[in-house]
Amino acid sequence: MKDSQSEYTVYQEAILYKIDYFLIFGAYLHCYPCILLLFHGLYYYINLISQDWRYFMQIIRHHLCPIMETQ
């Protein structure tokens, strides 16, 4: 399970770097196709998050459980 999650985070980071690359490159050259690719990347990334909601629920529980225990 941990291996698949680490692979997932690597894949997630790769997508984020791709988005950052298009944002910087597009802004620098005022390249409209790059900006369109940026939005396409963001749309794809949002879909990826919504598909693997269980992974994000684990992160939320990990952050919320210590807060709940202290109260």
PDB file of N, CA and C in Angstrom:
ATOM      1  N   MET A   1       0.827  -1.206   0.000  1.00  0.00           N
ATOM      2  CA  MET A   1       0.000   0.000   0.000  1.00  0.00           C
ATOM      3  C   MET A   1       0.870   1.267   0.000  1.00  0.00           C
ATOM      4  N   LYS A   2       1.922   1.233   0.839  1.00  0.00           N
ATOM      5  CA  LYS A   2       2.800   2.407   0.906  1.00  0.00           C
ATOM      6  C   LYS A   2       3.500   2.640  -0.423  1.00  0.00           C
ATOM      7  N   ASP A   3       3.904   1.550  -1.110  1.00  0.00           N
ATOM      8  CA  ASP A   3       4.584   1.697  -2.397  1.00  0.00           C
ATOM      9  C   ASP A   3       3.690   2.386  -3.415  1.00  0.00           C
ATOM     10  N   SER A   4       2.419   1.977  -3.444  1.00  0.00           N
ATOM     11  CA  SER A   4       1.495   2.588  -4.401  1.00  0.00           C
ATOM     12  C   SER A   4       1.263   4.057  -4.066  1.00  0.00           C
ATOM     13  N   GLN A   5       1.248   4.392  -2.771  1.00  0.00           N
ATOM     14  CA  GLN A   5       1.065   5.797  -2.374  1.00  0.00           C
ATOM     15  C   GLN A   5       2.280   6.626  -2.736  1.00  0.00           C
ATOM     16  N   SER A   6       3.482   6.075  -2.552  1.00  0.00           N
ATOM     17  CA  SER A   6       4.687   6.835  -2.896  1.00  0.00           C
ATOM     18  C   SER A   6       4.766   7.029  -4.413  1.00  0.00           C
ATOM     19  N   GLU A   7       4.376   6.005  -5.169  1.00  0.00           N
ATOM     20  CA  GLU A   7       4.318   6.138  -6.628  1.00  0.00           C
ATOM     21  C   GLU A   7       3.293   7.205  -7.010  1.00  0.00           C
ATOM     22  N   TYR A   8       2.183   7.231  -6.275  1.00  0.00           N
ATOM     23  CA  TYR A   8       1.136   8.212  -6.551  1.00  0.00           C
ATOM     24  C   TYR A   8       1.648   9.627  -6.309  1.00  0.00           C
ATOM     25  N   THR A   9       2.374   9.833  -5.191  1.00  0.00           N
ATOM     26  CA  THR A   9       2.870  11.174  -4.888  1.00  0.00           C
ATOM     27  C   THR A   9       3.913  11.617  -5.908  1.00  0.00           C
ATOM     28  N   VAL A  10       4.728  10.694  -6.390  1.00  0.00           N
ATOM     29  CA  VAL A  10       5.700  11.019  -7.439  1.00  0.00           C
ATOM     30  C   VAL A  10       4.962  11.456  -8.702  1.00  0.00           C
ATOM     31  N   TYR A  11       3.904  10.728  -9.055  1.00  0.00           N
ATOM     32  CA  TYR A  11       3.092  11.052 -10.229  1.00  0.00           C
ATOM     33  C   TYR A  11       2.414  12.410 -10.047  1.00  0.00           C
ATOM     34  N   GLN A  12       1.920  12.648  -8.819  1.00  0.00           N
ATOM     35  CA  GLN A  12       1.255  13.908  -8.467  1.00  0.00           C
ATOM     36  C   GLN A  12       2.236  15.065  -8.621  1.00  0.00           C
ATOM     37  N   GLU A  13       3.451  14.900  -8.103  1.00  0.00           N
ATOM     38  CA  GLU A  13       4.480  15.940  -8.206  1.00  0.00           C
ATOM     39  C   GLU A  13       4.846  16.205  -9.660  1.00  0.00           C
ATOM     40  N   ALA A  14       4.917  15.144 -10.461  1.00  0.00           N
ATOM     41  CA  ALA A  14       5.248  15.301 -11.883  1.00  0.00           C
ATOM     42  C   ALA A  14       4.203  16.168 -12.583  1.00  0.00           C
ATOM     43  N   ILE A  15       2.939  15.951 -12.264  1.00  0.00           N
ATOM     44  CA  ILE A  15       1.861  16.750 -12.851  1.00  0.00           C
ATOM     45  C   ILE A  15       1.977  18.203 -12.398  1.00  0.00           C
ATOM     46  N   LEU A  16       2.273  18.404 -11.108  1.00  0.00           N
ATOM     47  CA  LEU A  16       2.418  19.771 -10.591  1.00  0.00           C
ATOM     48  C   LEU A  16       3.583  20.489 -11.252  1.00  0.00           C
ATOM     49  N   TYR A  17       4.694  19.787 -11.453  1.00  0.00           N
ATOM     50  CA  TYR A  17       5.842  20.401 -12.123  1.00  0.00           C
ATOM     51  C   TYR A  17       5.481  20.764 -13.563  1.00  0.00           C
ATOM     52  N   LYS A  18       4.712  19.897 -14.211  1.00  0.00           N
ATOM     53  CA  LYS A  18       4.273  20.163 -15.577  1.00  0.00           C
ATOM     54  C   LYS A  18       3.403  21.422 -15.610  1.00  0.00           C
ATOM     55  N   ILE A  19       2.495  21.546 -14.634  1.00  0.00           N
ATOM     56  CA  ILE A  19       1.628  22.725 -14.547  1.00  0.00           C
ATOM     57  C   ILE A  19       2.471  23.978 -14.317  1.00  0.00           C
ATOM     58  N   ASP A  20       3.434  23.897 -13.382  1.00  0.00           N
ATOM     59  CA  ASP A  20       4.311  25.038 -13.099  1.00  0.00           C
ATOM     60  C   ASP A  20       5.105  25.428 -14.343  1.00  0.00           C
ATOM     61  N   TYR A  21       5.584  24.432 -15.065  1.00  0.00           N
ATOM     62  CA  TYR A  21       6.375  24.692 -16.277  1.00  0.00           C
ATOM     63  C   TYR A  21       5.553  25.460 -17.303  1.00  0.00           C
ATOM     64  N   PHE A  22       4.329  25.007 -17.545  1.00  0.00           N
ATOM     65  CA  PHE A  22       3.473  25.684 -18.520  1.00  0.00           C
ATOM     66  C   PHE A  22       3.089  27.085 -18.054  1.00  0.00           C
ATOM     67  N   LEU A  23       2.887  27.235 -16.734  1.00  0.00           N
ATOM     68  CA  LEU A  23       2.522  28.549 -16.201  1.00  0.00           C
ATOM     69  C   LEU A  23       3.660  29.547 -16.405  1.00  0.00           C
ATOM     70  N   ILE A  24       4.888  29.152 -16.030  1.00  0.00           N
ATOM     71  CA  ILE A  24       6.048  30.043 -16.150  1.00  0.00           C
ATOM     72  C   ILE A  24       6.365  30.308 -17.623  1.00  0.00           C
ATOM     73  N   PHE A  25       6.400  29.239 -18.416  1.00  0.00           N
ATOM     74  CA  PHE A  25       6.743  29.353 -19.831  1.00  0.00           C
ATOM     75  C   PHE A  25       5.701  30.188 -20.571  1.00  0.00           C
ATOM     76  N   GLY A  26       4.429  29.925 -20.272  1.00  0.00           N
ATOM     77  CA  GLY A  26       3.332  30.658 -20.912  1.00  0.00           C
ATOM     78  C   GLY A  26       3.317  32.125 -20.535  1.00  0.00           C
ATOM     79  N   ALA A  27       3.586  32.394 -19.245  1.00  0.00           N
ATOM     80  CA  ALA A  27       3.600  33.788 -18.787  1.00  0.00           C
ATOM     81  C   ALA A  27       4.790  34.536 -19.394  1.00  0.00           C
ATOM     82  N   TYR A  28       5.917  33.859 -19.512  1.00  0.00           N
ATOM     83  CA  TYR A  28       7.136  34.498 -20.030  1.00  0.00           C
ATOM     84  C   TYR A  28       6.991  34.861 -21.504  1.00  0.00           C
ATOM     85  N   LEU A  29       6.443  33.954 -22.283  1.00  0.00           N
ATOM     86  CA  LEU A  29       6.337  34.170 -23.731  1.00  0.00           C
ATOM     87  C   LEU A  29       4.965  34.697 -24.154  1.00  0.00           C
ATOM     88  N   HIS A  30       4.058  34.863 -23.193  1.00  0.00           N
ATOM     89  CA  HIS A  30       2.659  35.200 -23.510  1.00  0.00           C
ATOM     90  C   HIS A  30       2.119  34.205 -24.545  1.00  0.00           C
ATOM     91  N   CYS A  31       2.400  32.949 -24.245  1.00  0.00           N
ATOM     92  CA  CYS A  31       2.091  31.862 -25.181  1.00  0.00           C
ATOM     93  C   CYS A  31       0.711  31.302 -24.826  1.00  0.00           C
ATOM     94  N   TYR A  32      -0.279  31.624 -25.629  1.00  0.00           N
ATOM     95  CA  TYR A  32      -1.651  31.213 -25.315  1.00  0.00           C
ATOM     96  C   TYR A  32      -1.863  29.697 -25.362  1.00  0.00           C
ATOM     97  N   PRO A  33      -1.268  28.955 -26.303  1.00  0.00           N
ATOM     98  CA  PRO A  33      -1.415  27.493 -26.255  1.00  0.00           C
ATOM     99  C   PRO A  33      -0.868  26.894 -24.958  1.00  0.00           C
ATOM    100  N   CYS A  34       0.216  27.489 -24.416  1.00  0.00           N
ATOM    101  CA  CYS A  34       0.776  27.001 -23.146  1.00  0.00           C
ATOM    102  C   CYS A  34      -0.218  27.226 -22.007  1.00  0.00           C
ATOM    103  N   ILE A  35      -0.906  28.362 -22.040  1.00  0.00           N
ATOM    104  CA  ILE A  35      -1.893  28.667 -21.000  1.00  0.00           C
ATOM    105  C   ILE A  35      -3.084  27.700 -21.111  1.00  0.00           C
ATOM    106  N   LEU A  36      -3.486  27.379 -22.323  1.00  0.00           N
ATOM    107  CA  LEU A  36      -4.557  26.398 -22.520  1.00  0.00           C
ATOM    108  C   LEU A  36      -4.134  25.023 -21.992  1.00  0.00           C
ATOM    109  N   LEU A  37      -2.879  24.650 -22.237  1.00  0.00           N
ATOM    110  CA  LEU A  37      -2.360  23.385 -21.719  1.00  0.00           C
ATOM    111  C   LEU A  37      -2.314  23.398 -20.200  1.00  0.00           C
ATOM    112  N   LEU A  38      -2.012  24.558 -19.623  1.00  0.00           N
ATOM    113  CA  LEU A  38      -2.027  24.705 -18.164  1.00  0.00           C
ATOM    114  C   LEU A  38      -3.409  24.384 -17.609  1.00  0.00           C
ATOM    115  N   PHE A  39      -4.449  24.972 -18.192  1.00  0.00           N
ATOM    116  CA  PHE A  39      -5.807  24.721 -17.705  1.00  0.00           C
ATOM    117  C   PHE A  39      -6.222  23.269 -17.923  1.00  0.00           C
ATOM    118  N   HIS A  40      -5.780  22.687 -19.040  1.00  0.00           N
ATOM    119  CA  HIS A  40      -6.042  21.272 -19.290  1.00  0.00           C
ATOM    120  C   HIS A  40      -5.384  20.421 -18.210  1.00  0.00           C
ATOM    121  N   GLY A  41      -4.152  20.783 -17.844  1.00  0.00           N
ATOM    122  CA  GLY A  41      -3.424  20.065 -16.791  1.00  0.00           C
ATOM    123  C   GLY A  41      -4.122  20.179 -15.448  1.00  0.00           C
ATOM    124  N   LEU A  42      -4.614  21.376 -15.121  1.00  0.00           N
ATOM    125  CA  LEU A  42      -5.336  21.588 -13.864  1.00  0.00           C
ATOM    126  C   LEU A  42      -6.624  20.769 -13.829  1.00  0.00           C
ATOM    127  N   TYR A  43      -7.343  20.741 -14.950  1.00  0.00           N
ATOM    128  CA  TYR A  43      -8.581  19.964 -15.050  1.00  0.00           C
ATOM    129  C   TYR A  43      -8.293  18.476 -14.839  1.00  0.00           C
ATOM    130  N   TYR A  44      -7.219  17.992 -15.472  1.00  0.00           N
ATOM    131  CA  TYR A  44      -6.831  16.590 -15.347  1.00  0.00           C
ATOM    132  C   TYR A  44      -6.436  16.278 -13.903  1.00  0.00           C
ATOM    133  N   TYR A  45      -5.719  17.216 -13.258  1.00  0.00           N
ATOM    134  CA  TYR A  45      -5.257  17.031 -11.885  1.00  0.00           C
ATOM    135  C   TYR A  45      -6.445  16.974 -10.922  1.00  0.00           C
ATOM    136  N   ILE A  46      -7.456  17.817 -11.142  1.00  0.00           N
ATOM    137  CA  ILE A  46      -8.659  17.814 -10.302  1.00  0.00           C
ATOM    138  C   ILE A  46      -9.399  16.479 -10.465  1.00  0.00           C
ATOM    139  N   ASN A  47      -9.480  15.981 -11.681  1.00  0.00           N
ATOM    140  CA  ASN A  47     -10.112  14.679 -11.920  1.00  0.00           C
ATOM    141  C   ASN A  47      -9.353  13.566 -11.209  1.00  0.00           C
ATOM    142  N   LEU A  48      -8.015  13.652 -11.224  1.00  0.00           N
ATOM    143  CA  LEU A  48      -7.172  12.648 -10.576  1.00  0.00           C
ATOM    144  C   LEU A  48      -7.427  12.637  -9.077  1.00  0.00           C
ATOM    145  N   ILE A  49      -7.553  13.832  -8.471  1.00  0.00           N
ATOM    146  CA  ILE A  49      -7.828  13.940  -7.037  1.00  0.00           C
ATOM    147  C   ILE A  49      -9.183  13.326  -6.707  1.00  0.00           C
ATOM    148  N   SER A  50     -10.200  13.653  -7.498  1.00  0.00           N
ATOM    149  CA  SER A  50     -11.554  13.180  -7.202  1.00  0.00           C
ATOM    150  C   SER A  50     -11.661  11.663  -7.359  1.00  0.00           C
ATOM    151  N   GLN A  51     -10.848  11.080  -8.249  1.00  0.00           N
ATOM    152  CA  GLN A  51     -10.875   9.624  -8.424  1.00  0.00           C
ATOM    153  C   GLN A  51     -10.265   8.912  -7.226  1.00  0.00           C
ATOM    154  N   ASP A  52      -9.210   9.470  -6.638  1.00  0.00           N
ATOM    155  CA  ASP A  52      -8.541   8.804  -5.529  1.00  0.00           C
ATOM    156  C   ASP A  52      -8.826   9.542  -4.223  1.00  0.00           C
ATOM    157  N   TRP A  53     -10.122   9.678  -3.912  1.00  0.00           N
ATOM    158  CA  TRP A  53     -10.543  10.430  -2.729  1.00  0.00           C
ATOM    159  C   TRP A  53     -10.118   9.745  -1.451  1.00  0.00           C
ATOM    160  N   ARG A  54      -9.981   8.409  -1.444  1.00  0.00           N
ATOM    161  CA  ARG A  54      -9.614   7.677  -0.218  1.00  0.00           C
ATOM    162  C   ARG A  54      -8.235   8.093   0.292  1.00  0.00           C
ATOM    163  N   TYR A  55      -7.311   8.316  -0.635  1.00  0.00           N
ATOM    164  CA  TYR A  55      -5.956   8.743  -0.269  1.00  0.00           C
ATOM    165  C   TYR A  55      -5.990  10.098   0.429  1.00  0.00           C
ATOM    166  N   PHE A  56      -6.818  11.008  -0.059  1.00  0.00           N
ATOM    167  CA  PHE A  56      -6.922  12.341   0.529  1.00  0.00           C
ATOM    168  C   PHE A  56      -7.687  12.311   1.843  1.00  0.00           C
ATOM    169  N   MET A  57      -8.642  11.383   1.971  1.00  0.00           N
ATOM    170  CA  MET A  57      -9.338  11.217   3.252  1.00  0.00           C
ATOM    171  C   MET A  57      -8.355  10.754   4.329  1.00  0.00           C
ATOM    172  N   GLN A  58      -7.409   9.901   3.960  1.00  0.00           N
ATOM    173  CA  GLN A  58      -6.378   9.451   4.912  1.00  0.00           C
ATOM    174  C   GLN A  58      -5.545  10.639   5.378  1.00  0.00           C
ATOM    175  N   ILE A  59      -5.186  11.529   4.463  1.00  0.00           N
ATOM    176  CA  ILE A  59      -4.401  12.713   4.820  1.00  0.00           C
ATOM    177  C   ILE A  59      -5.210  13.605   5.758  1.00  0.00           C
ATOM    178  N   ILE A  60      -6.480  13.806   5.443  1.00  0.00           N
ATOM    179  CA  ILE A  60      -7.352  14.646   6.278  1.00  0.00           C
ATOM    180  C   ILE A  60      -7.471  14.047   7.673  1.00  0.00           C
ATOM    181  N   ARG A  61      -7.693  12.725   7.770  1.00  0.00           N
ATOM    182  CA  ARG A  61      -7.790  12.062   9.072  1.00  0.00           C
ATOM    183  C   ARG A  61      -6.485  12.189   9.841  1.00  0.00           C
ATOM    184  N   HIS A  62      -5.380  12.067   9.133  1.00  0.00           N
ATOM    185  CA  HIS A  62      -4.054  12.158   9.762  1.00  0.00           C
ATOM    186  C   HIS A  62      -3.860  13.535  10.406  1.00  0.00           C
ATOM    187  N   HIS A  63      -4.372  14.589   9.765  1.00  0.00           N
ATOM    188  CA  HIS A  63      -4.223  15.942  10.308  1.00  0.00           C
ATOM    189  C   HIS A  63      -5.288  16.272  11.349  1.00  0.00           C
ATOM    190  N   LEU A  64      -6.496  15.712  11.188  1.00  0.00           N
ATOM    191  CA  LEU A  64      -7.595  16.054  12.091  1.00  0.00           C
ATOM    192  C   LEU A  64      -7.574  15.251  13.389  1.00  0.00           C
ATOM    193  N   CYS A  65      -7.134  14.002  13.336  1.00  0.00           N
ATOM    194  CA  CYS A  65      -7.166  13.143  14.531  1.00  0.00           C
ATOM    195  C   CYS A  65      -6.360  13.721  15.700  1.00  0.00           C
ATOM    196  N   PRO A  66      -5.132  14.199  15.504  1.00  0.00           N
ATOM    197  CA  PRO A  66      -4.407  14.815  16.628  1.00  0.00           C
ATOM    198  C   PRO A  66      -5.132  16.039  17.203  1.00  0.00           C
ATOM    199  N   ILE A  67      -5.801  16.812  16.352  1.00  0.00           N
ATOM    200  CA  ILE A  67      -6.556  17.990  16.800  1.00  0.00           C
ATOM    201  C   ILE A  67      -7.747  17.545  17.656  1.00  0.00           C
ATOM    202  N   MET A  68      -8.442  16.492  17.221  1.00  0.00           N
ATOM    203  CA  MET A  68      -9.612  15.988  17.939  1.00  0.00           C
ATOM    204  C   MET A  68      -9.198  15.424  19.300  1.00  0.00           C
ATOM    205  N   GLU A  69      -8.041  14.755  19.364  1.00  0.00           N
ATOM    206  CA  GLU A  69      -7.575  14.150  20.615  1.00  0.00           C
ATOM    207  C   GLU A  69      -7.210  15.205  21.654  1.00  0.00           C
ATOM    208  N   THR A  70      -6.678  16.354  21.208  1.00  0.00           N
ATOM    209  CA  THR A  70      -6.260  17.393  22.155  1.00  0.00           C
ATOM    210  C   THR A  70      -7.448  18.143  22.747  1.00  0.00           C
ATOM    211  N   GLN A  71      -8.580  18.158  22.046  1.00  0.00           N
ATOM    212  CA  GLN A  71      -9.742  18.915  22.540  1.00  0.00           C
ATOM    213  C   GLN A  71     -10.489  18.157  23.627  1.00  0.00           C
TER     214      GLN A  71
END
